[in-house]
PDB file of all heavy atoms in Angstrom:
ATOM      1  N   GLY A   1       6.318  16.339  10.299  1.00  0.00           N
ATOM      2  CA  GLY A   1       6.741  16.053  11.665  1.00  0.00           C
ATOM      3  C   GLY A   1       7.129  14.607  11.839  1.00  0.00           C
ATOM      4  O   GLY A   1       8.127  14.148  11.298  1.00  0.00           O
ATOM      5  N   GLU A   2       6.293  13.868  12.555  1.00  0.00           N
ATOM      6  CA  GLU A   2       6.607  12.491  12.943  1.00  0.00           C
ATOM      7  C   GLU A   2       5.600  11.525  12.345  1.00  0.00           C
ATOM      8  O   GLU A   2       4.399  11.787  12.341  1.00  0.00           O
ATOM      9  CB  GLU A   2       6.495  12.408  14.479  1.00  0.00           C
ATOM     10  CG  GLU A   2       7.614  11.672  15.161  1.00  0.00           C
ATOM     11  CD  GLU A   2       7.460  11.776  16.677  1.00  0.00           C
ATOM     12  OE1 GLU A   2       7.504  12.895  17.209  1.00  0.00           O
ATOM     13  OE2 GLU A   2       7.287  10.726  17.310  1.00  0.00           O
ATOM     14  N   LYS A   3       6.097  10.388  11.863  1.00  0.00           N
ATOM     15  CA  LYS A   3       5.200   9.330  11.400  1.00  0.00           C
ATOM     16  C   LYS A   3       4.707   8.555  12.618  1.00  0.00           C
ATOM     17  O   LYS A   3       5.503   8.049  13.412  1.00  0.00           O
ATOM     18  CB  LYS A   3       5.930   8.386  10.436  1.00  0.00           C
ATOM     19  CG  LYS A   3       5.045   7.268   9.888  1.00  0.00           C
ATOM     20  CD  LYS A   3       5.818   6.389   8.909  1.00  0.00           C
ATOM     21  CE  LYS A   3       4.950   5.246   8.421  1.00  0.00           C
ATOM     22  NZ  LYS A   3       5.682   4.371   7.454  1.00  0.00           N
ATOM     23  N   VAL A   4       3.393   8.484  12.762  1.00  0.00           N
ATOM     24  CA  VAL A   4       2.804   7.857  13.950  1.00  0.00           C
ATOM     25  C   VAL A   4       1.714   6.884  13.506  1.00  0.00           C
ATOM     26  O   VAL A   4       0.862   7.230  12.684  1.00  0.00           O
ATOM     27  CB  VAL A   4       2.171   8.921  14.882  1.00  0.00           C
ATOM     28  CG1 VAL A   4       1.625   8.269  16.144  1.00  0.00           C
ATOM     29  CG2 VAL A   4       3.179   9.991  15.238  1.00  0.00           C
ATOM     30  N   THR A   5       1.739   5.678  14.038  1.00  0.00           N
ATOM     31  CA  THR A   5       0.665   4.736  13.743  1.00  0.00           C
ATOM     32  C   THR A   5      -0.569   5.116  14.564  1.00  0.00           C
ATOM     33  O   THR A   5      -0.461   5.795  15.593  1.00  0.00           O
ATOM     34  CB  THR A   5       1.055   3.287  14.088  1.00  0.00           C
ATOM     35  OG1 THR A   5       1.183   3.178  15.514  1.00  0.00           O
ATOM     36  CG2 THR A   5       2.345   2.878  13.395  1.00  0.00           C
ATOM     37  N   VAL A   6      -1.732   4.669  14.113  1.00  0.00           N
ATOM     38  CA  VAL A   6      -2.970   4.943  14.844  1.00  0.00           C
ATOM     39  C   VAL A   6      -2.878   4.342  16.244  1.00  0.00           C
ATOM     40  O   VAL A   6      -3.283   4.963  17.229  1.00  0.00           O
ATOM     41  CB  VAL A   6      -4.191   4.384  14.085  1.00  0.00           C
ATOM     42  CG1 VAL A   6      -5.467   4.591  14.901  1.00  0.00           C
ATOM     43  CG2 VAL A   6      -4.326   5.032  12.715  1.00  0.00           C
ATOM     44  N   LYS A   7      -2.317   3.151  16.339  1.00  0.00           N
ATOM     45  CA  LYS A   7      -2.159   2.481  17.639  1.00  0.00           C
ATOM     46  C   LYS A   7      -1.271   3.307  18.565  1.00  0.00           C
ATOM     47  O   LYS A   7      -1.576   3.482  19.760  1.00  0.00           O
ATOM     48  CB  LYS A   7      -1.551   1.089  17.418  1.00  0.00           C
ATOM     49  CG  LYS A   7      -1.310   0.290  18.702  1.00  0.00           C
ATOM     50  CD  LYS A   7      -2.623  -0.167  19.323  1.00  0.00           C
ATOM     51  CE  LYS A   7      -2.449  -1.214  20.405  1.00  0.00           C
ATOM     52  NZ  LYS A   7      -1.591  -0.842  21.518  1.00  0.00           N
ATOM     53  N   MET A   8      -0.154   3.836  18.043  1.00  0.00           N
ATOM     54  CA  MET A   8       0.735   4.683  18.846  1.00  0.00           C
ATOM     55  C   MET A   8       0.011   5.928  19.325  1.00  0.00           C
ATOM     56  O   MET A   8       0.136   6.334  20.487  1.00  0.00           O
ATOM     57  CB  MET A   8       1.954   5.096  18.023  1.00  0.00           C
ATOM     58  CG  MET A   8       2.998   4.023  17.824  1.00  0.00           C
ATOM     59  SD  MET A   8       4.236   4.508  16.579  1.00  0.00           S
ATOM     60  CE  MET A   8       4.927   5.971  17.343  1.00  0.00           C
ATOM     61  N   LEU A   9      -0.755   6.549  18.434  1.00  0.00           N
ATOM     62  CA  LEU A   9      -1.494   7.766  18.766  1.00  0.00           C
ATOM     63  C   LEU A   9      -2.455   7.505  19.920  1.00  0.00           C
ATOM     64  O   LEU A   9      -2.522   8.278  20.893  1.00  0.00           O
ATOM     65  CB  LEU A   9      -2.265   8.250  17.531  1.00  0.00           C
ATOM     66  CG  LEU A   9      -3.001   9.578  17.651  1.00  0.00           C
ATOM     67  CD1 LEU A   9      -2.025  10.747  17.671  1.00  0.00           C
ATOM     68  CD2 LEU A   9      -3.971   9.761  16.485  1.00  0.00           C
ATOM     69  N   LEU A  10      -3.181   6.389  19.842  1.00  0.00           N
ATOM     70  CA  LEU A  10      -4.147   6.052  20.895  1.00  0.00           C
ATOM     71  C   LEU A  10      -3.449   5.686  22.206  1.00  0.00           C
ATOM     72  O   LEU A  10      -3.939   6.022  23.289  1.00  0.00           O
ATOM     73  CB  LEU A  10      -5.043   4.906  20.424  1.00  0.00           C
ATOM     74  CG  LEU A  10      -5.906   5.203  19.185  1.00  0.00           C
ATOM     75  CD1 LEU A  10      -6.721   3.984  18.803  1.00  0.00           C
ATOM     76  CD2 LEU A  10      -6.811   6.402  19.420  1.00  0.00           C
ATOM     77  N   ASP A  11      -2.319   5.022  22.098  1.00  0.00           N
ATOM     78  CA  ASP A  11      -1.556   4.684  23.320  1.00  0.00           C
ATOM     79  C   ASP A  11      -1.028   5.947  24.005  1.00  0.00           C
ATOM     80  O   ASP A  11      -1.049   6.054  25.241  1.00  0.00           O
ATOM     81  CB  ASP A  11      -0.384   3.752  22.977  1.00  0.00           C
ATOM     82  CG  ASP A  11      -0.836   2.329  22.679  1.00  0.00           C
ATOM     83  OD1 ASP A  11      -2.005   2.001  23.001  1.00  0.00           O
ATOM     84  OD2 ASP A  11      -0.047   1.558  22.108  1.00  0.00           O
ATOM     85  N   TYR A  12      -0.555   6.903  23.201  1.00  0.00           N
ATOM     86  CA  TYR A  12      -0.116   8.188  23.764  1.00  0.00           C
ATOM     87  C   TYR A  12      -1.273   8.866  24.487  1.00  0.00           C
ATOM     88  O   TYR A  12      -1.120   9.379  25.606  1.00  0.00           O
ATOM     89  CB  TYR A  12       0.372   9.116  22.654  1.00  0.00           C
ATOM     90  CG  TYR A  12       1.767   8.852  22.124  1.00  0.00           C
ATOM     91  CD1 TYR A  12       2.046   9.014  20.763  1.00  0.00           C
ATOM     92  CD2 TYR A  12       2.809   8.459  22.965  1.00  0.00           C
ATOM     93  CE1 TYR A  12       3.328   8.781  20.258  1.00  0.00           C
ATOM     94  CE2 TYR A  12       4.085   8.234  22.474  1.00  0.00           C
ATOM     95  CZ  TYR A  12       4.337   8.392  21.115  1.00  0.00           C
ATOM     96  OH  TYR A  12       5.592   8.174  20.618  1.00  0.00           O
ATOM     97  N   LEU A  13      -2.443   8.868  23.853  1.00  0.00           N
ATOM     98  CA  LEU A  13      -3.615   9.519  24.442  1.00  0.00           C
ATOM     99  C   LEU A  13      -4.051   8.819  25.726  1.00  0.00           C
ATOM    100  O   LEU A  13      -4.489   9.465  26.677  1.00  0.00           O
ATOM    101  CB  LEU A  13      -4.771   9.551  23.435  1.00  0.00           C
ATOM    102  CG  LEU A  13      -4.613  10.539  22.269  1.00  0.00           C
ATOM    103  CD1 LEU A  13      -5.722  10.327  21.240  1.00  0.00           C
ATOM    104  CD2 LEU A  13      -4.632  11.986  22.773  1.00  0.00           C
ATOM    105  N   GLU A  14      -3.911   7.495  25.772  1.00  0.00           N
ATOM    106  CA  GLU A  14      -4.244   6.747  26.993  1.00  0.00           C
ATOM    107  C   GLU A  14      -3.317   7.163  28.135  1.00  0.00           C
ATOM    108  O   GLU A  14      -3.769   7.395  29.263  1.00  0.00           O
ATOM    109  CB  GLU A  14      -4.121   5.249  26.738  1.00  0.00           C
ATOM    110  CG  GLU A  14      -4.456   4.415  27.971  1.00  0.00           C
ATOM    111  CD  GLU A  14      -4.421   2.919  27.699  1.00  0.00           C
ATOM    112  OE1 GLU A  14      -5.069   2.468  26.732  1.00  0.00           O
ATOM    113  OE2 GLU A  14      -3.730   2.207  28.467  1.00  0.00           O
ATOM    114  N   ASP A  15      -2.028   7.285  27.837  1.00  0.00           N
ATOM    115  CA  ASP A  15      -1.060   7.694  28.860  1.00  0.00           C
ATOM    116  C   ASP A  15      -1.339   9.115  29.357  1.00  0.00           C
ATOM    117  O   ASP A  15      -1.199   9.408  30.553  1.00  0.00           O
ATOM    118  CB  ASP A  15       0.360   7.644  28.291  1.00  0.00           C
ATOM    119  CG  ASP A  15       0.848   6.219  28.073  1.00  0.00           C
ATOM    120  OD1 ASP A  15       0.251   5.301  28.658  1.00  0.00           O
ATOM    121  OD2 ASP A  15       1.811   6.032  27.304  1.00  0.00           O
ATOM    122  N   ILE A  16      -1.753   9.991  28.446  1.00  0.00           N
ATOM    123  CA  ILE A  16      -1.969  11.405  28.791  1.00  0.00           C
ATOM    124  C   ILE A  16      -3.266  11.614  29.567  1.00  0.00           C
ATOM    125  O   ILE A  16      -3.305  12.358  30.542  1.00  0.00           O
ATOM    126  CB  ILE A  16      -1.976  12.269  27.508  1.00  0.00           C
ATOM    127  CG1 ILE A  16      -0.584  12.274  26.857  1.00  0.00           C
ATOM    128  CG2 ILE A  16      -2.423  13.709  27.806  1.00  0.00           C
ATOM    129  CD1 ILE A  16      -0.586  12.761  25.416  1.00  0.00           C
ATOM    130  N   THR A  17      -4.329  10.921  29.128  1.00  0.00           N
ATOM    131  CA  THR A  17      -5.663  11.178  29.688  1.00  0.00           C
ATOM    132  C   THR A  17      -6.096  10.183  30.767  1.00  0.00           C
ATOM    133  O   THR A  17      -6.972  10.490  31.574  1.00  0.00           O
ATOM    134  CB  THR A  17      -6.727  11.145  28.579  1.00  0.00           C
ATOM    135  OG1 THR A  17      -6.770   9.814  28.014  1.00  0.00           O
ATOM    136  CG2 THR A  17      -6.410  12.148  27.473  1.00  0.00           C
ATOM    137  N   GLY A  18      -5.503   8.979  30.737  1.00  0.00           N
ATOM    138  CA  GLY A  18      -5.967   7.936  31.647  1.00  0.00           C
ATOM    139  C   GLY A  18      -7.158   7.181  31.104  1.00  0.00           C
ATOM    140  O   GLY A  18      -7.628   6.211  31.711  1.00  0.00           O
ATOM    141  N   VAL A  19      -7.669   7.601  29.942  1.00  0.00           N
ATOM    142  CA  VAL A  19      -8.789   6.903  29.286  1.00  0.00           C
ATOM    143  C   VAL A  19      -8.234   5.698  28.540  1.00  0.00           C
ATOM    144  O   VAL A  19      -7.218   5.799  27.850  1.00  0.00           O
ATOM    145  CB  VAL A  19      -9.523   7.841  28.303  1.00  0.00           C
ATOM    146  CG1 VAL A  19     -10.589   7.078  27.514  1.00  0.00           C
ATOM    147  CG2 VAL A  19     -10.135   9.017  29.044  1.00  0.00           C
ATOM    148  N   LYS A  20      -8.879   4.555  28.682  1.00  0.00           N
ATOM    149  CA  LYS A  20      -8.412   3.344  28.024  1.00  0.00           C
ATOM    150  C   LYS A  20      -8.607   3.428  26.507  1.00  0.00           C
ATOM    151  O   LYS A  20      -9.677   3.811  26.023  1.00  0.00           O
ATOM    152  CB  LYS A  20      -9.160   2.119  28.553  1.00  0.00           C
ATOM    153  CG  LYS A  20      -8.782   1.748  29.985  1.00  0.00           C
ATOM    154  CD  LYS A  20      -7.351   1.212  30.045  1.00  0.00           C
ATOM    155  CE  LYS A  20      -6.979   0.770  31.462  1.00  0.00           C
ATOM    156  NZ  LYS A  20      -5.554   0.334  31.527  1.00  0.00           N
ATOM    157  N   ALA A  21      -7.557   3.082  25.779  1.00  0.00           N
ATOM    158  CA  ALA A  21      -7.636   3.079  24.317  1.00  0.00           C
ATOM    159  C   ALA A  21      -8.459   1.886  23.845  1.00  0.00           C
ATOM    160  O   ALA A  21      -8.440   0.825  24.475  1.00  0.00           O
ATOM    161  CB  ALA A  21      -6.235   3.001  23.723  1.00  0.00           C
ATOM    162  N   PRO A  22      -9.217   2.041  22.754  1.00  0.00           N
ATOM    163  CA  PRO A  22      -9.990   0.914  22.235  1.00  0.00           C
ATOM    164  C   PRO A  22      -9.067  -0.227  21.803  1.00  0.00           C
ATOM    165  O   PRO A  22      -8.000   0.014  21.244  1.00  0.00           O
ATOM    166  CB  PRO A  22     -10.741   1.505  21.033  1.00  0.00           C
ATOM    167  CG  PRO A  22      -9.982   2.728  20.663  1.00  0.00           C
ATOM    168  CD  PRO A  22      -9.384   3.243  21.922  1.00  0.00           C
ATOM    169  N   LYS A  23      -9.475  -1.440  22.074  1.00  0.00           N
ATOM    170  CA  LYS A  23      -8.659  -2.614  21.734  1.00  0.00           C
ATOM    171  C   LYS A  23      -9.093  -3.251  20.413  1.00  0.00           C
ATOM    172  O   LYS A  23      -8.326  -3.994  19.797  1.00  0.00           O
ATOM    173  CB  LYS A  23      -8.770  -3.668  22.846  1.00  0.00           C
ATOM    174  CG  LYS A  23      -8.348  -3.166  24.221  1.00  0.00           C
ATOM    175  CD  LYS A  23      -6.886  -2.755  24.264  1.00  0.00           C
ATOM    176  CE  LYS A  23      -6.472  -2.288  25.666  1.00  0.00           C
ATOM    177  NZ  LYS A  23      -5.111  -1.726  25.662  1.00  0.00           N
ATOM    178  N   PHE A  24     -10.333  -2.945  20.000  1.00  0.00           N
ATOM    179  CA  PHE A  24     -10.868  -3.614  18.806  1.00  0.00           C
ATOM    180  C   PHE A  24     -10.346  -2.941  17.535  1.00  0.00           C
ATOM    181  O   PHE A  24     -10.532  -1.749  17.343  1.00  0.00           O
ATOM    182  CB  PHE A  24     -12.396  -3.584  18.831  1.00  0.00           C
ATOM    183  CG  PHE A  24     -13.027  -4.300  17.674  1.00  0.00           C
ATOM    184  CD1 PHE A  24     -12.921  -5.677  17.559  1.00  0.00           C
ATOM    185  CD2 PHE A  24     -13.712  -3.597  16.694  1.00  0.00           C
ATOM    186  CE1 PHE A  24     -13.493  -6.345  16.492  1.00  0.00           C
ATOM    187  CE2 PHE A  24     -14.281  -4.245  15.624  1.00  0.00           C
ATOM    188  CZ  PHE A  24     -14.177  -5.627  15.517  1.00  0.00           C
ATOM    189  N   LYS A  25      -9.691  -3.728  16.697  1.00  0.00           N
ATOM    190  CA  LYS A  25      -9.139  -3.197  15.454  1.00  0.00           C
ATOM    191  C   LYS A  25      -9.987  -3.669  14.284  1.00  0.00           C
ATOM    192  O   LYS A  25     -10.182  -4.872  14.096  1.00  0.00           O
ATOM    193  CB  LYS A  25      -7.689  -3.662  15.276  1.00  0.00           C
ATOM    194  CG  LYS A  25      -7.024  -3.138  14.017  1.00  0.00           C
ATOM    195  CD  LYS A  25      -5.531  -3.452  13.987  1.00  0.00           C
ATOM    196  CE  LYS A  25      -5.276  -4.923  13.768  1.00  0.00           C
ATOM    197  NZ  LYS A  25      -3.823  -5.209  13.603  1.00  0.00           N
ATOM    198  N   LEU A  26     -10.487  -2.709  13.512  1.00  0.00           N
ATOM    199  CA  LEU A  26     -11.273  -3.040  12.327  1.00  0.00           C
ATOM    200  C   LEU A  26     -10.359  -3.547  11.223  1.00  0.00           C
ATOM    201  O   LEU A  26      -9.290  -2.986  10.985  1.00  0.00           O
ATOM    202  CB  LEU A  26     -12.024  -1.808  11.813  1.00  0.00           C
ATOM    203  CG  LEU A  26     -13.221  -1.303  12.622  1.00  0.00           C
ATOM    204  CD1 LEU A  26     -13.717   0.009  12.038  1.00  0.00           C
ATOM    205  CD2 LEU A  26     -14.351  -2.327  12.608  1.00  0.00           C
ATOM    206  N   ALA A  27     -10.788  -4.594  10.542  1.00  0.00           N
ATOM    207  CA  ALA A  27     -10.028  -5.095   9.396  1.00  0.00           C
ATOM    208  C   ALA A  27     -10.055  -4.044   8.294  1.00  0.00           C
ATOM    209  O   ALA A  27     -11.088  -3.399   8.060  1.00  0.00           O
ATOM    210  CB  ALA A  27     -10.625  -6.401   8.900  1.00  0.00           C
ATOM    211  N   TYR A  28      -8.923  -3.853   7.637  1.00  0.00           N
ATOM    212  CA  TYR A  28      -8.811  -2.820   6.602  1.00  0.00           C
ATOM    213  C   TYR A  28      -9.861  -3.010   5.506  1.00  0.00           C
ATOM    214  O   TYR A  28     -10.520  -2.050   5.088  1.00  0.00           O
ATOM    215  CB  TYR A  28      -7.406  -2.836   5.993  1.00  0.00           C
ATOM    216  CG  TYR A  28      -7.246  -1.854   4.851  1.00  0.00           C
ATOM    217  CD1 TYR A  28      -7.143  -0.490   5.093  1.00  0.00           C
ATOM    218  CD2 TYR A  28      -7.205  -2.299   3.531  1.00  0.00           C
ATOM    219  CE1 TYR A  28      -7.008   0.422   4.050  1.00  0.00           C
ATOM    220  CE2 TYR A  28      -7.070  -1.396   2.482  1.00  0.00           C
ATOM    221  CZ  TYR A  28      -6.967  -0.049   2.740  1.00  0.00           C
ATOM    222  OH  TYR A  28      -6.837   0.840   1.707  1.00  0.00           O
ATOM    223  N   ALA A  29     -10.040  -4.249   5.038  1.00  0.00           N
ATOM    224  CA  ALA A  29     -10.996  -4.523   3.949  1.00  0.00           C
ATOM    225  C   ALA A  29     -12.413  -4.147   4.363  1.00  0.00           C
ATOM    226  O   ALA A  29     -13.173  -3.558   3.586  1.00  0.00           O
ATOM    227  CB  ALA A  29     -10.930  -5.992   3.555  1.00  0.00           C
ATOM    228  N   PHE A  30     -12.757  -4.460   5.621  1.00  0.00           N
ATOM    229  CA  PHE A  30     -14.095  -4.128   6.120  1.00  0.00           C
ATOM    230  C   PHE A  30     -14.267  -2.613   6.229  1.00  0.00           C
ATOM    231  O   PHE A  30     -15.292  -2.057   5.829  1.00  0.00           O
ATOM    232  CB  PHE A  30     -14.315  -4.779   7.487  1.00  0.00           C
ATOM    233  CG  PHE A  30     -15.628  -4.411   8.131  1.00  0.00           C
ATOM    234  CD1 PHE A  30     -16.808  -5.015   7.736  1.00  0.00           C
ATOM    235  CD2 PHE A  30     -15.671  -3.435   9.132  1.00  0.00           C
ATOM    236  CE1 PHE A  30     -18.022  -4.656   8.318  1.00  0.00           C
ATOM    237  CE2 PHE A  30     -16.879  -3.077   9.715  1.00  0.00           C
ATOM    238  CZ  PHE A  30     -18.054  -3.687   9.307  1.00  0.00           C
ATOM    239  N   ALA A  31     -13.239  -1.937   6.767  1.00  0.00           N
ATOM    240  CA  ALA A  31     -13.298  -0.473   6.925  1.00  0.00           C
ATOM    241  C   ALA A  31     -13.424   0.205   5.569  1.00  0.00           C
ATOM    242  O   ALA A  31     -14.192   1.158   5.410  1.00  0.00           O
ATOM    243  CB  ALA A  31     -12.051   0.011   7.650  1.00  0.00           C
ATOM    244  N   LYS A  32     -12.677  -0.288   4.594  1.00  0.00           N
ATOM    245  CA  LYS A  32     -12.715   0.281   3.245  1.00  0.00           C
ATOM    246  C   LYS A  32     -14.099   0.100   2.630  1.00  0.00           C
ATOM    247  O   LYS A  32     -14.654   1.018   2.015  1.00  0.00           O
ATOM    248  CB  LYS A  32     -11.661  -0.411   2.380  1.00  0.00           C
ATOM    249  CG  LYS A  32     -11.526   0.129   0.973  1.00  0.00           C
ATOM    250  CD  LYS A  32     -10.773   1.423   0.938  1.00  0.00           C
ATOM    251  CE  LYS A  32     -10.504   1.857  -0.493  1.00  0.00           C
ATOM    252  NZ  LYS A  32      -9.938   3.207  -0.578  1.00  0.00           N
ATOM    253  N   MET A  33     -14.672  -1.061   2.825  1.00  0.00           N
ATOM    254  CA  MET A  33     -15.978  -1.379   2.253  1.00  0.00           C
ATOM    255  C   MET A  33     -17.088  -0.527   2.879  1.00  0.00           C
ATOM    256  O   MET A  33     -18.012  -0.089   2.206  1.00  0.00           O
ATOM    257  CB  MET A  33     -16.275  -2.866   2.451  1.00  0.00           C
ATOM    258  CG  MET A  33     -17.605  -3.343   1.877  1.00  0.00           C
ATOM    259  SD  MET A  33     -17.836  -5.107   2.151  1.00  0.00           S
ATOM    260  CE  MET A  33     -17.983  -5.184   3.942  1.00  0.00           C
ATOM    261  N   THR A  34     -16.984  -0.293   4.182  1.00  0.00           N
ATOM    262  CA  THR A  34     -18.039   0.445   4.894  1.00  0.00           C
ATOM    263  C   THR A  34     -17.778   1.948   4.954  1.00  0.00           C
ATOM    264  O   THR A  34     -18.577   2.694   5.505  1.00  0.00           O
ATOM    265  CB  THR A  34     -18.193  -0.091   6.333  1.00  0.00           C
ATOM    266  OG1 THR A  34     -16.928   0.016   7.011  1.00  0.00           O
ATOM    267  CG2 THR A  34     -18.654  -1.541   6.321  1.00  0.00           C
ATOM    268  N   GLY A  35     -16.664   2.402   4.369  1.00  0.00           N
ATOM    269  CA  GLY A  35     -16.304   3.828   4.384  1.00  0.00           C
ATOM    270  C   GLY A  35     -17.424   4.756   3.933  1.00  0.00           C
ATOM    271  O   GLY A  35     -17.747   5.741   4.615  1.00  0.00           O
ATOM    272  N   PRO A  36     -18.068   4.475   2.780  1.00  0.00           N
ATOM    273  CA  PRO A  36     -19.146   5.357   2.306  1.00  0.00           C
ATOM    274  C   PRO A  36     -20.316   5.453   3.287  1.00  0.00           C
ATOM    275  O   PRO A  36     -20.925   6.511   3.434  1.00  0.00           O
ATOM    276  CB  PRO A  36     -19.584   4.704   0.993  1.00  0.00           C
ATOM    277  CG  PRO A  36     -18.388   3.927   0.537  1.00  0.00           C
ATOM    278  CD  PRO A  36     -17.748   3.426   1.798  1.00  0.00           C
ATOM    279  N   PHE A  37     -20.621   4.341   3.989  1.00  0.00           N
ATOM    280  CA  PHE A  37     -21.716   4.352   4.966  1.00  0.00           C
ATOM    281  C   PHE A  37     -21.327   5.154   6.210  1.00  0.00           C
ATOM    282  O   PHE A  37     -22.156   5.858   6.795  1.00  0.00           O
ATOM    283  CB  PHE A  37     -22.094   2.909   5.347  1.00  0.00           C
ATOM    284  CG  PHE A  37     -22.522   2.074   4.188  1.00  0.00           C
ATOM    285  CD1 PHE A  37     -21.654   1.145   3.624  1.00  0.00           C
ATOM    286  CD2 PHE A  37     -23.782   2.229   3.623  1.00  0.00           C
ATOM    287  CE1 PHE A  37     -22.042   0.376   2.543  1.00  0.00           C
ATOM    288  CE2 PHE A  37     -24.176   1.465   2.533  1.00  0.00           C
ATOM    289  CZ  PHE A  37     -23.296   0.534   1.991  1.00  0.00           C
ATOM    290  N   ALA A  38     -20.046   5.034   6.603  1.00  0.00           N
ATOM    291  CA  ALA A  38     -19.555   5.814   7.740  1.00  0.00           C
ATOM    292  C   ALA A  38     -19.639   7.301   7.427  1.00  0.00           C
ATOM    293  O   ALA A  38     -20.029   8.112   8.275  1.00  0.00           O
ATOM    294  CB  ALA A  38     -18.117   5.413   8.066  1.00  0.00           C
ATOM    295  N   GLU A  39     -19.303   7.657   6.188  1.00  0.00           N
ATOM    296  CA  GLU A  39     -19.358   9.060   5.777  1.00  0.00           C
ATOM    297  C   GLU A  39     -20.793   9.582   5.861  1.00  0.00           C
ATOM    298  O   GLU A  39     -21.033  10.710   6.318  1.00  0.00           O
ATOM    299  CB  GLU A  39     -18.830   9.193   4.345  1.00  0.00           C
ATOM    300  CG  GLU A  39     -18.693  10.629   3.885  1.00  0.00           C
ATOM    301  CD  GLU A  39     -18.096  10.728   2.491  1.00  0.00           C
ATOM    302  OE1 GLU A  39     -17.457   9.763   2.043  1.00  0.00           O
ATOM    303  OE2 GLU A  39     -18.268  11.784   1.865  1.00  0.00           O
ATOM    304  N   LEU A  40     -21.739   8.760   5.444  1.00  0.00           N
ATOM    305  CA  LEU A  40     -23.159   9.141   5.513  1.00  0.00           C
ATOM    306  C   LEU A  40     -23.592   9.331   6.963  1.00  0.00           C
ATOM    307  O   LEU A  40     -24.308  10.285   7.294  1.00  0.00           O
ATOM    308  CB  LEU A  40     -24.014   8.064   4.833  1.00  0.00           C
ATOM    309  CG  LEU A  40     -25.534   8.302   4.828  1.00  0.00           C
ATOM    310  CD1 LEU A  40     -25.876   9.568   4.040  1.00  0.00           C
ATOM    311  CD2 LEU A  40     -26.262   7.101   4.226  1.00  0.00           C
ATOM    312  N   TYR A  41     -23.114   8.441   7.848  1.00  0.00           N
ATOM    313  CA  TYR A  41     -23.441   8.551   9.277  1.00  0.00           C
ATOM    314  C   TYR A  41     -22.973   9.882   9.848  1.00  0.00           C
ATOM    315  O   TYR A  41     -23.710  10.582  10.544  1.00  0.00           O
ATOM    316  CB  TYR A  41     -22.817   7.386  10.057  1.00  0.00           C
ATOM    317  CG  TYR A  41     -22.728   7.656  11.542  1.00  0.00           C
ATOM    318  CD1 TYR A  41     -23.858   7.584  12.358  1.00  0.00           C
ATOM    319  CD2 TYR A  41     -21.512   8.023  12.124  1.00  0.00           C
ATOM    320  CE1 TYR A  41     -23.780   7.855  13.714  1.00  0.00           C
ATOM    321  CE2 TYR A  41     -21.424   8.296  13.485  1.00  0.00           C
ATOM    322  CZ  TYR A  41     -22.559   8.204  14.265  1.00  0.00           C
ATOM    323  OH  TYR A  41     -22.491   8.492  15.599  1.00  0.00           O
ATOM    324  N   TYR A  42     -21.708  10.245   9.571  1.00  0.00           N
ATOM    325  CA  TYR A  42     -21.157  11.492  10.101  1.00  0.00           C
ATOM    326  C   TYR A  42     -21.912  12.705   9.554  1.00  0.00           C
ATOM    327  O   TYR A  42     -22.090  13.702  10.243  1.00  0.00           O
ATOM    328  CB  TYR A  42     -19.670  11.605   9.777  1.00  0.00           C
ATOM    329  CG  TYR A  42     -18.804  10.700  10.623  1.00  0.00           C
ATOM    330  CD1 TYR A  42     -18.097   9.642  10.050  1.00  0.00           C
ATOM    331  CD2 TYR A  42     -18.689  10.897  11.988  1.00  0.00           C
ATOM    332  CE1 TYR A  42     -17.307   8.808  10.829  1.00  0.00           C
ATOM    333  CE2 TYR A  42     -17.910  10.076  12.775  1.00  0.00           C
ATOM    334  CZ  TYR A  42     -17.216   9.028  12.190  1.00  0.00           C
ATOM    335  OH  TYR A  42     -16.446   8.207  12.965  1.00  0.00           O
ATOM    336  N   LYS A  43     -22.358  12.587   8.293  1.00  0.00           N
ATOM    337  CA  LYS A  43     -23.101  13.686   7.677  1.00  0.00           C
ATOM    338  C   LYS A  43     -24.439  13.885   8.387  1.00  0.00           C
ATOM    339  O   LYS A  43     -24.844  14.999   8.704  1.00  0.00           O
ATOM    340  CB  LYS A  43     -23.329  13.392   6.192  1.00  0.00           C
ATOM    341  CG  LYS A  43     -23.864  14.569   5.402  1.00  0.00           C
ATOM    342  CD  LYS A  43     -23.903  14.243   3.917  1.00  0.00           C
ATOM    343  CE  LYS A  43     -24.383  15.442   3.113  1.00  0.00           C
ATOM    344  NZ  LYS A  43     -24.423  15.152   1.658  1.00  0.00           N
ATOM    345  N   ILE A  44     -25.122  12.782   8.666  1.00  0.00           N
ATOM    346  CA  ILE A  44     -26.413  12.836   9.361  1.00  0.00           C
ATOM    347  C   ILE A  44     -26.219  13.347  10.793  1.00  0.00           C
ATOM    348  O   ILE A  44     -27.008  14.151  11.298  1.00  0.00           O
ATOM    349  CB  ILE A  44     -27.078  11.440   9.383  1.00  0.00           C
ATOM    350  CG1 ILE A  44     -27.483  11.041   7.950  1.00  0.00           C
ATOM    351  CG2 ILE A  44     -28.298  11.431  10.303  1.00  0.00           C
ATOM    352  CD1 ILE A  44     -27.897   9.590   7.813  1.00  0.00           C
ATOM    353  N   ALA A  45     -25.129  12.903  11.433  1.00  0.00           N
ATOM    354  CA  ALA A  45     -24.841  13.304  12.816  1.00  0.00           C
ATOM    355  C   ALA A  45     -24.249  14.706  12.910  1.00  0.00           C
ATOM    356  O   ALA A  45     -24.067  15.232  14.003  1.00  0.00           O
ATOM    357  CB  ALA A  45     -23.891  12.302  13.458  1.00  0.00           C
TER     358      ALA A  45
END
């Protein structure tokens, strides 16, 4: 279909729902490093 950035996706959702999109952007290196811990969190939750 369409190539969409995460920011675009959230902006579309803000327009549709009226809910404010998160402004805080995680640094890629930090997100990559903490990925395994995030996966563990979702598993526990």
